[in-house]
């Protein structure tokens, strides 16, 4: 198993994936994890989860992996922040703590036209602190940001989130190769 998947499966794998291929990387990792019988909880914040991609990656698998994937949509920043706050409150529950969490494009809603800049400036640091709290509580998670925003509040958010990404900050800008549920990276491992 390659270095990135090993890192993701380590006891404290908090990772940040950046770049246009970040969501594709997450789909491959989700497939690998659920094939290995790891329950996965996905917070789909940017309508990026693609069940067909999972089916494609898992077509050689004998497992019924979709039964191990829980998908939760967050349509507003408040829904996402409330859901993460609920995880933090329930962190001692074995069912909550045993899952591997993926946050697909969590900042997308923060930059929708419905969210005012002063609200975004207030809420993004809260999101970054929540990810840091998840890390401190030992949650296993990946944050995927396939779209980056040229805004100062986004850069500040990224700086905050990098403190919760223990192992990797990846620049997922090149394509990947998926074969037989193994993950082969064609890009650098970042920091």
N, C-alpha and C. Protein backbone atom coordinates (compact mmCIF):
# COMPACT_ATOMS: atom_id res chain seq x y z
N UNK A 1 0.86 -1.16 0.00
CA UNK A 1 0.00 0.00 0.00
C UNK A 1 0.91 1.23 0.00
N UNK A 2 0.52 2.21 -0.76
CA UNK A 2 1.42 3.34 -0.91
C UNK A 2 1.45 4.25 0.31
N UNK A 3 2.34 5.19 0.26
CA UNK A 3 2.60 6.08 1.40
C UNK A 3 1.39 6.92 1.80
N UNK A 4 0.65 7.44 0.84
CA UNK A 4 -0.48 8.31 1.17
C UNK A 4 -1.58 7.52 1.83
N UNK A 5 -1.94 6.36 1.27
CA UNK A 5 -3.00 5.55 1.87
C UNK A 5 -2.57 5.08 3.25
N UNK A 6 -1.30 4.74 3.43
CA UNK A 6 -0.81 4.35 4.75
C UNK A 6 -0.96 5.48 5.75
N UNK A 7 -0.68 6.69 5.30
CA UNK A 7 -0.83 7.85 6.17
C UNK A 7 -2.30 8.05 6.53
N UNK A 8 -3.19 7.91 5.55
CA UNK A 8 -4.61 8.09 5.79
C UNK A 8 -5.10 7.04 6.79
N UNK A 9 -4.52 5.84 6.77
CA UNK A 9 -4.97 4.78 7.67
C UNK A 9 -4.20 4.76 8.99
N UNK A 10 -3.33 5.73 9.21
CA UNK A 10 -2.59 5.79 10.46
C UNK A 10 -3.54 6.16 11.61
N UNK A 11 -3.09 6.02 12.86
CA UNK A 11 -3.98 6.31 13.98
C UNK A 11 -4.51 7.74 14.02
N UNK A 12 -3.75 8.71 13.55
CA UNK A 12 -4.21 10.10 13.56
C UNK A 12 -4.03 10.74 12.19
N UNK A 13 -4.82 10.32 11.22
CA UNK A 13 -4.63 10.84 9.86
C UNK A 13 -5.52 12.04 9.56
N UNK A 14 -5.09 13.21 9.97
CA UNK A 14 -5.83 14.40 9.60
C UNK A 14 -5.11 15.01 8.41
N UNK A 15 -5.79 15.11 7.27
CA UNK A 15 -5.14 15.54 6.04
C UNK A 15 -5.96 16.62 5.35
N UNK A 16 -5.25 17.44 4.61
CA UNK A 16 -5.85 18.49 3.82
C UNK A 16 -5.44 18.27 2.37
N UNK A 17 -6.41 18.16 1.48
CA UNK A 17 -6.15 18.00 0.05
C UNK A 17 -6.60 19.27 -0.66
N UNK A 18 -5.70 19.86 -1.42
CA UNK A 18 -6.00 21.09 -2.16
C UNK A 18 -5.79 20.85 -3.64
N UNK A 19 -6.57 21.52 -4.46
CA UNK A 19 -6.38 21.44 -5.90
C UNK A 19 -7.58 20.85 -6.60
N UNK A 20 -7.59 21.02 -7.92
CA UNK A 20 -8.78 20.65 -8.67
C UNK A 20 -9.07 19.15 -8.66
N UNK A 21 -8.10 18.32 -8.37
CA UNK A 21 -8.32 16.87 -8.33
C UNK A 21 -8.53 16.34 -6.91
N UNK A 22 -8.67 17.23 -5.93
CA UNK A 22 -8.80 16.81 -4.54
C UNK A 22 -10.01 15.91 -4.32
N UNK A 23 -11.12 16.23 -4.95
CA UNK A 23 -12.32 15.42 -4.77
C UNK A 23 -12.14 14.04 -5.39
N UNK A 24 -11.48 13.96 -6.53
CA UNK A 24 -11.20 12.67 -7.15
C UNK A 24 -10.32 11.82 -6.23
N UNK A 25 -9.32 12.43 -5.62
CA UNK A 25 -8.47 11.73 -4.67
C UNK A 25 -9.31 11.18 -3.52
N UNK A 26 -10.22 12.00 -3.02
CA UNK A 26 -11.09 11.55 -1.93
C UNK A 26 -11.93 10.35 -2.34
N UNK A 27 -12.46 10.36 -3.54
CA UNK A 27 -13.26 9.22 -3.99
C UNK A 27 -12.43 7.94 -4.02
N UNK A 28 -11.18 8.05 -4.44
CA UNK A 28 -10.31 6.86 -4.43
C UNK A 28 -10.04 6.40 -3.00
N UNK A 29 -9.76 7.35 -2.13
CA UNK A 29 -9.49 6.99 -0.74
C UNK A 29 -10.73 6.39 -0.07
N UNK A 30 -11.89 6.96 -0.34
CA UNK A 30 -13.14 6.42 0.21
C UNK A 30 -13.31 4.97 -0.23
N UNK A 31 -13.09 4.72 -1.51
CA UNK A 31 -13.22 3.36 -2.03
C UNK A 31 -12.25 2.41 -1.33
N UNK A 32 -11.00 2.83 -1.19
CA UNK A 32 -10.01 1.98 -0.53
C UNK A 32 -10.38 1.72 0.93
N UNK A 33 -10.85 2.73 1.62
CA UNK A 33 -11.19 2.56 3.03
C UNK A 33 -12.40 1.65 3.23
N UNK A 34 -13.46 1.86 2.46
CA UNK A 34 -14.64 1.02 2.66
C UNK A 34 -14.41 -0.40 2.17
N UNK A 35 -13.55 -0.58 1.19
CA UNK A 35 -13.19 -1.93 0.76
C UNK A 35 -12.44 -2.65 1.88
N UNK A 36 -11.72 -1.89 2.69
CA UNK A 36 -11.01 -2.46 3.85
C UNK A 36 -11.90 -2.51 5.08
N UNK A 37 -13.22 -2.37 4.88
CA UNK A 37 -14.23 -2.50 5.93
C UNK A 37 -14.21 -1.35 6.93
N UNK A 38 -13.77 -0.17 6.50
CA UNK A 38 -13.75 1.02 7.34
C UNK A 38 -15.00 1.85 7.05
N UNK A 39 -15.88 2.07 8.04
CA UNK A 39 -17.03 2.94 7.79
C UNK A 39 -16.59 4.37 7.53
N UNK A 40 -17.27 5.02 6.59
CA UNK A 40 -16.91 6.36 6.16
C UNK A 40 -18.14 7.26 6.25
N UNK A 41 -17.92 8.47 6.75
CA UNK A 41 -18.96 9.49 6.84
C UNK A 41 -18.49 10.67 5.99
N UNK A 42 -19.29 11.04 5.02
CA UNK A 42 -18.93 12.11 4.09
C UNK A 42 -19.82 13.32 4.34
N UNK A 43 -19.19 14.46 4.56
CA UNK A 43 -19.91 15.73 4.58
C UNK A 43 -19.74 16.33 3.19
N UNK A 44 -20.78 16.25 2.40
CA UNK A 44 -20.75 16.73 1.03
C UNK A 44 -21.23 18.17 1.02
N UNK A 45 -20.29 19.09 1.05
CA UNK A 45 -20.64 20.50 1.20
C UNK A 45 -20.77 21.21 -0.13
N UNK A 46 -20.21 20.69 -1.16
CA UNK A 46 -20.25 21.36 -2.45
C UNK A 46 -20.92 20.53 -3.52
N UNK A 47 -21.78 19.59 -3.09
CA UNK A 47 -22.44 18.69 -4.04
C UNK A 47 -21.41 18.01 -4.94
N UNK A 48 -20.33 17.53 -4.32
CA UNK A 48 -19.22 16.94 -5.07
C UNK A 48 -19.16 15.41 -5.00
N UNK A 49 -19.94 14.81 -4.09
CA UNK A 49 -19.88 13.36 -3.98
C UNK A 49 -20.50 12.73 -5.23
N UNK A 50 -19.79 11.77 -5.79
CA UNK A 50 -20.20 11.13 -7.03
C UNK A 50 -20.25 9.62 -6.81
N UNK A 51 -21.44 9.09 -6.61
CA UNK A 51 -21.59 7.66 -6.34
C UNK A 51 -21.12 6.83 -7.54
N UNK A 52 -21.25 7.36 -8.73
CA UNK A 52 -20.81 6.63 -9.92
C UNK A 52 -19.29 6.48 -9.94
N UNK A 53 -18.59 7.49 -9.43
CA UNK A 53 -17.13 7.41 -9.34
C UNK A 53 -16.73 6.30 -8.36
N UNK A 54 -17.43 6.22 -7.24
CA UNK A 54 -17.16 5.15 -6.26
C UNK A 54 -17.42 3.79 -6.90
N UNK A 55 -18.53 3.67 -7.62
CA UNK A 55 -18.85 2.41 -8.29
C UNK A 55 -17.77 2.06 -9.31
N UNK A 56 -17.28 3.05 -10.03
CA UNK A 56 -16.22 2.81 -11.01
C UNK A 56 -14.94 2.33 -10.33
N UNK A 57 -14.54 3.00 -9.26
CA UNK A 57 -13.32 2.61 -8.56
C UNK A 57 -13.45 1.24 -7.91
N UNK A 58 -14.66 0.85 -7.56
CA UNK A 58 -14.83 -0.40 -6.82
C UNK A 58 -15.32 -1.55 -7.69
N UNK A 59 -15.35 -1.38 -8.98
CA UNK A 59 -15.95 -2.40 -9.84
C UNK A 59 -15.27 -3.76 -9.74
N UNK A 60 -14.03 -3.81 -9.33
CA UNK A 60 -13.34 -5.09 -9.18
C UNK A 60 -13.49 -5.65 -7.77
N UNK A 61 -14.14 -4.92 -6.91
CA UNK A 61 -14.30 -5.35 -5.53
C UNK A 61 -15.47 -6.31 -5.39
N UNK A 62 -15.32 -7.23 -4.47
CA UNK A 62 -16.41 -8.16 -4.17
C UNK A 62 -17.30 -7.62 -3.04
N UNK A 63 -16.97 -6.50 -2.50
CA UNK A 63 -17.70 -5.93 -1.37
C UNK A 63 -18.84 -5.05 -1.83
N UNK A 64 -19.85 -4.95 -1.02
CA UNK A 64 -20.95 -4.01 -1.24
C UNK A 64 -20.61 -2.74 -0.48
N UNK A 65 -19.74 -1.96 -1.05
CA UNK A 65 -19.14 -0.87 -0.29
C UNK A 65 -20.08 0.29 -0.03
N UNK A 66 -21.09 0.49 -0.84
CA UNK A 66 -21.97 1.64 -0.64
C UNK A 66 -22.72 1.56 0.68
N UNK A 67 -22.83 0.37 1.25
CA UNK A 67 -23.49 0.21 2.55
C UNK A 67 -22.62 0.71 3.70
N UNK A 68 -21.37 0.97 3.44
CA UNK A 68 -20.44 1.44 4.48
C UNK A 68 -20.20 2.95 4.40
N UNK A 69 -20.92 3.60 3.50
CA UNK A 69 -20.74 5.04 3.29
C UNK A 69 -21.99 5.78 3.75
N UNK A 70 -21.79 6.73 4.66
CA UNK A 70 -22.88 7.60 5.11
C UNK A 70 -22.61 8.98 4.53
N UNK A 71 -23.60 9.52 3.82
CA UNK A 71 -23.44 10.82 3.17
C UNK A 71 -24.36 11.83 3.83
N UNK A 72 -23.78 12.96 4.20
CA UNK A 72 -24.55 14.03 4.82
C UNK A 72 -24.27 15.31 4.04
N UNK A 73 -25.31 15.97 3.62
CA UNK A 73 -25.13 17.20 2.87
C UNK A 73 -25.25 18.40 3.81
N UNK A 74 -24.44 19.39 3.55
CA UNK A 74 -24.51 20.65 4.28
C UNK A 74 -24.69 21.74 3.23
N UNK A 75 -25.86 22.35 3.23
CA UNK A 75 -26.18 23.34 2.21
C UNK A 75 -25.84 24.77 2.63
N UNK A 76 -25.61 24.96 3.93
CA UNK A 76 -25.25 26.30 4.41
C UNK A 76 -24.07 26.17 5.38
N UNK A 77 -23.35 27.26 5.60
CA UNK A 77 -22.27 27.22 6.59
C UNK A 77 -22.79 26.80 7.97
N UNK A 78 -23.98 27.24 8.31
CA UNK A 78 -24.53 26.95 9.63
C UNK A 78 -24.82 25.46 9.80
N UNK A 79 -25.31 24.80 8.75
CA UNK A 79 -25.54 23.36 8.82
C UNK A 79 -24.22 22.62 9.04
N UNK A 80 -23.18 23.02 8.33
CA UNK A 80 -21.89 22.38 8.49
C UNK A 80 -21.34 22.59 9.89
N UNK A 81 -21.34 23.84 10.36
CA UNK A 81 -20.81 24.13 11.69
C UNK A 81 -21.60 23.40 12.77
N UNK A 82 -22.92 23.33 12.64
CA UNK A 82 -23.74 22.60 13.62
C UNK A 82 -23.43 21.10 13.59
N UNK A 83 -23.23 20.55 12.40
CA UNK A 83 -22.93 19.11 12.28
C UNK A 83 -21.58 18.78 12.91
N UNK A 84 -20.60 19.62 12.69
CA UNK A 84 -19.28 19.38 13.29
C UNK A 84 -19.37 19.56 14.80
N UNK A 85 -20.11 20.57 15.25
CA UNK A 85 -20.29 20.77 16.70
C UNK A 85 -20.93 19.54 17.33
N UNK A 86 -21.87 18.92 16.62
CA UNK A 86 -22.51 17.70 17.11
C UNK A 86 -21.50 16.55 17.21
N UNK A 87 -20.62 16.43 16.22
CA UNK A 87 -19.56 15.41 16.29
C UNK A 87 -18.68 15.63 17.53
N UNK A 88 -18.33 16.87 17.75
CA UNK A 88 -17.46 17.20 18.89
C UNK A 88 -18.16 16.83 20.20
N UNK A 89 -19.44 17.15 20.31
CA UNK A 89 -20.19 16.80 21.52
C UNK A 89 -20.31 15.29 21.72
N UNK A 90 -20.40 14.55 20.63
CA UNK A 90 -20.60 13.10 20.70
C UNK A 90 -19.31 12.31 20.53
N UNK A 91 -18.16 12.95 20.69
CA UNK A 91 -16.87 12.32 20.37
C UNK A 91 -16.58 11.04 21.16
N UNK A 92 -17.19 10.87 22.31
CA UNK A 92 -16.92 9.67 23.11
C UNK A 92 -17.75 8.47 22.69
N UNK A 93 -18.72 8.68 21.83
CA UNK A 93 -19.55 7.58 21.36
C UNK A 93 -18.74 6.74 20.36
N UNK A 94 -18.62 5.44 20.61
CA UNK A 94 -17.80 4.59 19.72
C UNK A 94 -18.23 4.66 18.26
N UNK A 95 -19.53 4.71 18.00
CA UNK A 95 -19.99 4.75 16.62
C UNK A 95 -19.53 6.03 15.92
N UNK A 96 -19.51 7.13 16.63
CA UNK A 96 -19.10 8.42 16.06
C UNK A 96 -17.59 8.43 15.85
N UNK A 97 -16.85 7.98 16.83
CA UNK A 97 -15.40 8.08 16.79
C UNK A 97 -14.75 7.02 15.89
N UNK A 98 -15.47 5.95 15.58
CA UNK A 98 -14.88 4.87 14.79
C UNK A 98 -14.90 5.15 13.29
N UNK A 99 -15.68 6.12 12.85
CA UNK A 99 -15.79 6.40 11.43
C UNK A 99 -14.63 7.26 10.95
N UNK A 100 -14.40 7.19 9.65
CA UNK A 100 -13.45 8.06 8.99
C UNK A 100 -14.27 9.14 8.28
N UNK A 101 -13.92 10.39 8.48
CA UNK A 101 -14.71 11.51 7.98
C UNK A 101 -14.03 12.19 6.79
N UNK A 102 -14.84 12.52 5.80
CA UNK A 102 -14.39 13.29 4.64
C UNK A 102 -15.24 14.55 4.57
N UNK A 103 -14.59 15.68 4.44
CA UNK A 103 -15.26 16.97 4.28
C UNK A 103 -14.96 17.46 2.87
N UNK A 104 -15.93 17.27 1.96
CA UNK A 104 -15.74 17.64 0.56
C UNK A 104 -16.13 19.09 0.35
N UNK A 105 -15.14 19.92 0.06
CA UNK A 105 -15.34 21.34 -0.24
C UNK A 105 -16.12 22.09 0.84
N UNK A 106 -15.64 22.04 2.07
CA UNK A 106 -16.41 22.66 3.16
C UNK A 106 -16.58 24.17 3.05
N UNK A 107 -15.72 24.84 2.31
CA UNK A 107 -15.86 26.30 2.24
C UNK A 107 -16.77 26.78 1.12
N UNK A 108 -17.26 25.88 0.29
CA UNK A 108 -18.07 26.30 -0.85
C UNK A 108 -19.24 27.20 -0.43
N UNK A 109 -20.00 26.77 0.57
CA UNK A 109 -21.16 27.56 0.97
C UNK A 109 -20.78 28.91 1.57
N UNK A 110 -19.62 29.00 2.15
CA UNK A 110 -19.18 30.24 2.77
C UNK A 110 -18.98 31.33 1.71
N UNK A 111 -18.71 30.91 0.47
CA UNK A 111 -18.45 31.87 -0.61
C UNK A 111 -19.62 31.97 -1.59
N UNK A 112 -20.75 31.39 -1.24
CA UNK A 112 -21.96 31.60 -2.04
C UNK A 112 -22.41 33.04 -1.89
N UNK A 113 -23.16 33.53 -2.86
CA UNK A 113 -23.63 34.90 -2.83
C UNK A 113 -24.55 35.22 -1.66
N UNK A 114 -25.15 34.18 -1.06
CA UNK A 114 -26.07 34.40 0.06
C UNK A 114 -25.36 34.75 1.36
N UNK A 115 -24.06 34.45 1.44
CA UNK A 115 -23.31 34.69 2.67
C UNK A 115 -22.56 36.01 2.55
N UNK A 116 -22.87 36.92 3.42
CA UNK A 116 -22.21 38.23 3.41
C UNK A 116 -20.77 38.11 3.86
N UNK A 117 -19.94 39.02 3.38
CA UNK A 117 -18.51 38.96 3.69
C UNK A 117 -18.25 39.00 5.19
N UNK A 118 -18.95 39.84 5.94
CA UNK A 118 -18.69 39.92 7.39
C UNK A 118 -19.10 38.61 8.08
N UNK A 119 -20.14 37.93 7.57
CA UNK A 119 -20.50 36.62 8.13
C UNK A 119 -19.41 35.60 7.81
N UNK A 120 -18.93 35.62 6.58
CA UNK A 120 -17.86 34.70 6.16
C UNK A 120 -16.60 34.92 7.00
N UNK A 121 -16.24 36.17 7.22
CA UNK A 121 -15.05 36.48 8.02
C UNK A 121 -15.20 36.00 9.46
N UNK A 122 -16.41 35.98 9.94
CA UNK A 122 -16.68 35.51 11.31
C UNK A 122 -16.73 33.98 11.37
N UNK A 123 -17.36 33.34 10.38
CA UNK A 123 -17.63 31.90 10.43
C UNK A 123 -16.44 31.04 10.02
N UNK A 124 -15.63 31.47 9.07
CA UNK A 124 -14.50 30.63 8.62
C UNK A 124 -13.51 30.32 9.74
N UNK A 125 -13.15 31.28 10.61
CA UNK A 125 -12.27 30.90 11.73
C UNK A 125 -12.91 29.89 12.68
N UNK A 126 -14.23 29.93 12.81
CA UNK A 126 -14.92 28.94 13.64
C UNK A 126 -14.76 27.56 13.03
N UNK A 127 -14.92 27.48 11.70
CA UNK A 127 -14.74 26.20 11.01
C UNK A 127 -13.31 25.68 11.21
N UNK A 128 -12.33 26.54 11.05
CA UNK A 128 -10.93 26.13 11.23
C UNK A 128 -10.70 25.63 12.66
N UNK A 129 -11.27 26.31 13.66
CA UNK A 129 -11.12 25.87 15.05
C UNK A 129 -11.81 24.53 15.29
N UNK A 130 -12.96 24.32 14.63
CA UNK A 130 -13.64 23.04 14.79
C UNK A 130 -12.80 21.90 14.23
N UNK A 131 -12.15 22.12 13.09
CA UNK A 131 -11.28 21.08 12.55
C UNK A 131 -10.11 20.81 13.50
N UNK A 132 -9.57 21.84 14.11
CA UNK A 132 -8.50 21.67 15.08
C UNK A 132 -9.00 20.88 16.29
N UNK A 133 -10.21 21.14 16.74
CA UNK A 133 -10.80 20.39 17.85
C UNK A 133 -10.98 18.92 17.47
N UNK A 134 -11.44 18.66 16.25
CA UNK A 134 -11.57 17.27 15.79
C UNK A 134 -10.22 16.57 15.84
N UNK A 135 -9.18 17.27 15.40
CA UNK A 135 -7.83 16.69 15.46
C UNK A 135 -7.44 16.39 16.90
N UNK A 136 -7.65 17.35 17.79
CA UNK A 136 -7.28 17.18 19.20
C UNK A 136 -8.04 16.03 19.85
N UNK A 137 -9.26 15.76 19.37
CA UNK A 137 -10.06 14.66 19.92
C UNK A 137 -9.73 13.32 19.26
N UNK A 138 -8.82 13.32 18.30
CA UNK A 138 -8.38 12.07 17.68
C UNK A 138 -9.24 11.58 16.54
N UNK A 139 -10.09 12.45 15.99
CA UNK A 139 -10.89 12.05 14.84
C UNK A 139 -9.97 11.84 13.64
N UNK A 140 -10.36 10.92 12.77
CA UNK A 140 -9.63 10.67 11.52
C UNK A 140 -10.44 11.32 10.40
N UNK A 141 -9.79 12.22 9.66
CA UNK A 141 -10.53 12.95 8.64
C UNK A 141 -9.63 13.48 7.54
N UNK A 142 -10.29 13.77 6.41
CA UNK A 142 -9.66 14.43 5.28
C UNK A 142 -10.54 15.62 4.92
N UNK A 143 -9.90 16.77 4.73
CA UNK A 143 -10.57 17.97 4.26
C UNK A 143 -10.15 18.16 2.80
N UNK A 144 -11.11 18.24 1.93
CA UNK A 144 -10.83 18.40 0.50
C UNK A 144 -11.33 19.75 0.03
N UNK A 145 -10.45 20.54 -0.52
CA UNK A 145 -10.83 21.84 -1.09
C UNK A 145 -10.38 21.85 -2.55
N UNK A 146 -11.30 21.52 -3.46
CA UNK A 146 -10.92 21.49 -4.87
C UNK A 146 -10.95 22.88 -5.50
N UNK A 147 -11.69 23.77 -4.90
CA UNK A 147 -11.73 25.15 -5.40
C UNK A 147 -11.15 26.06 -4.33
N UNK A 148 -10.23 26.91 -4.76
CA UNK A 148 -9.65 27.86 -3.83
C UNK A 148 -10.13 29.26 -4.23
N UNK A 149 -10.33 30.07 -3.23
CA UNK A 149 -10.88 31.41 -3.44
C UNK A 149 -9.78 32.44 -3.19
N UNK A 150 -9.69 33.41 -4.08
CA UNK A 150 -8.69 34.45 -3.95
C UNK A 150 -9.22 35.57 -3.06
N UNK A 151 -9.38 35.20 -1.80
CA UNK A 151 -9.91 36.12 -0.79
C UNK A 151 -9.04 36.00 0.46
N UNK A 152 -8.80 37.10 1.15
CA UNK A 152 -7.97 37.04 2.36
C UNK A 152 -8.54 36.11 3.42
N UNK A 153 -9.87 36.08 3.56
CA UNK A 153 -10.46 35.21 4.59
C UNK A 153 -10.27 33.74 4.25
N UNK A 154 -10.19 33.39 2.97
CA UNK A 154 -9.91 32.00 2.60
C UNK A 154 -8.47 31.64 2.94
N UNK A 155 -7.55 32.56 2.68
CA UNK A 155 -6.14 32.30 3.01
C UNK A 155 -5.96 32.13 4.52
N UNK A 156 -6.64 32.96 5.31
CA UNK A 156 -6.58 32.82 6.77
C UNK A 156 -7.18 31.49 7.22
N UNK A 157 -8.29 31.10 6.60
CA UNK A 157 -8.91 29.81 6.90
C UNK A 157 -7.91 28.68 6.62
N UNK A 158 -7.26 28.72 5.45
CA UNK A 158 -6.30 27.66 5.11
C UNK A 158 -5.16 27.59 6.13
N UNK A 159 -4.67 28.74 6.55
CA UNK A 159 -3.61 28.74 7.57
C UNK A 159 -4.09 28.06 8.84
N UNK A 160 -5.32 28.34 9.24
CA UNK A 160 -5.88 27.70 10.43
C UNK A 160 -6.08 26.22 10.24
N UNK A 161 -6.56 25.81 9.07
CA UNK A 161 -6.82 24.40 8.81
C UNK A 161 -5.52 23.61 8.71
N UNK A 162 -4.48 24.23 8.22
CA UNK A 162 -3.19 23.52 8.11
C UNK A 162 -2.70 23.06 9.47
N UNK A 163 -3.09 23.75 10.53
CA UNK A 163 -2.70 23.31 11.88
C UNK A 163 -3.41 22.01 12.28
N UNK A 164 -4.54 21.73 11.65
CA UNK A 164 -5.25 20.49 11.96
C UNK A 164 -4.89 19.36 11.01
N UNK A 165 -4.15 19.66 9.96
CA UNK A 165 -3.73 18.63 9.00
C UNK A 165 -2.35 18.13 9.41
N UNK A 166 -2.32 17.04 10.16
CA UNK A 166 -1.08 16.53 10.73
C UNK A 166 -0.10 16.07 9.66
N UNK A 167 -0.58 15.30 8.70
CA UNK A 167 0.35 14.60 7.82
C UNK A 167 0.64 15.26 6.47
N UNK A 168 -0.39 15.69 5.78
CA UNK A 168 -0.18 16.14 4.42
C UNK A 168 -1.00 17.38 4.11
N UNK A 169 -0.42 18.22 3.30
CA UNK A 169 -1.16 19.24 2.58
C UNK A 169 -0.79 18.97 1.13
N UNK A 170 -1.71 18.43 0.37
CA UNK A 170 -1.41 17.98 -0.98
C UNK A 170 -1.90 18.97 -2.02
N UNK A 171 -1.14 19.08 -3.08
CA UNK A 171 -1.57 19.87 -4.22
C UNK A 171 -2.03 18.89 -5.29
N UNK A 172 -3.31 18.64 -5.32
CA UNK A 172 -3.89 17.64 -6.22
C UNK A 172 -4.26 18.31 -7.54
N UNK A 173 -3.28 18.54 -8.38
CA UNK A 173 -3.54 19.22 -9.64
C UNK A 173 -3.29 18.33 -10.84
N UNK A 174 -2.68 17.19 -10.64
CA UNK A 174 -2.43 16.28 -11.75
C UNK A 174 -3.32 15.05 -11.63
N UNK A 175 -3.55 14.34 -12.73
CA UNK A 175 -4.44 13.17 -12.66
C UNK A 175 -3.83 12.04 -11.85
N UNK A 176 -4.70 11.12 -11.46
CA UNK A 176 -4.31 9.97 -10.67
C UNK A 176 -4.57 8.70 -11.45
N UNK A 177 -3.97 7.63 -11.02
CA UNK A 177 -4.23 6.32 -11.62
C UNK A 177 -4.84 5.44 -10.56
N UNK A 178 -6.00 4.88 -10.85
CA UNK A 178 -6.64 3.95 -9.92
C UNK A 178 -6.68 2.58 -10.58
N UNK A 179 -6.18 1.58 -9.88
CA UNK A 179 -6.25 0.23 -10.42
C UNK A 179 -6.34 -0.77 -9.29
N UNK A 180 -7.27 -1.68 -9.39
CA UNK A 180 -7.45 -2.73 -8.39
C UNK A 180 -7.52 -2.19 -6.97
N UNK A 181 -8.22 -1.09 -6.78
CA UNK A 181 -8.40 -0.47 -5.47
C UNK A 181 -7.09 -0.10 -4.80
N UNK A 182 -6.07 0.18 -5.56
CA UNK A 182 -4.85 0.73 -4.97
C UNK A 182 -4.74 2.17 -5.42
N UNK A 183 -4.06 2.95 -4.60
CA UNK A 183 -3.99 4.39 -4.84
C UNK A 183 -2.57 4.74 -5.25
N UNK A 184 -2.42 5.20 -6.48
CA UNK A 184 -1.10 5.58 -6.97
C UNK A 184 -1.10 7.06 -7.27
N UNK A 185 -0.21 7.78 -6.66
CA UNK A 185 -0.17 9.22 -6.80
C UNK A 185 0.84 9.63 -7.86
N UNK A 186 0.43 10.59 -8.67
CA UNK A 186 1.34 11.15 -9.66
C UNK A 186 1.78 12.56 -9.28
N UNK A 187 1.49 12.95 -8.04
CA UNK A 187 1.86 14.30 -7.60
C UNK A 187 2.69 14.20 -6.33
N UNK A 188 3.31 15.30 -5.95
CA UNK A 188 4.15 15.33 -4.76
C UNK A 188 3.32 15.20 -3.49
N UNK A 189 3.98 14.89 -2.38
CA UNK A 189 3.29 14.67 -1.12
C UNK A 189 3.10 15.94 -0.31
N UNK A 190 3.58 17.03 -0.76
CA UNK A 190 3.34 18.27 -0.04
C UNK A 190 4.09 18.32 1.26
N UNK A 191 3.52 19.05 2.23
CA UNK A 191 4.21 19.19 3.51
C UNK A 191 3.45 18.49 4.60
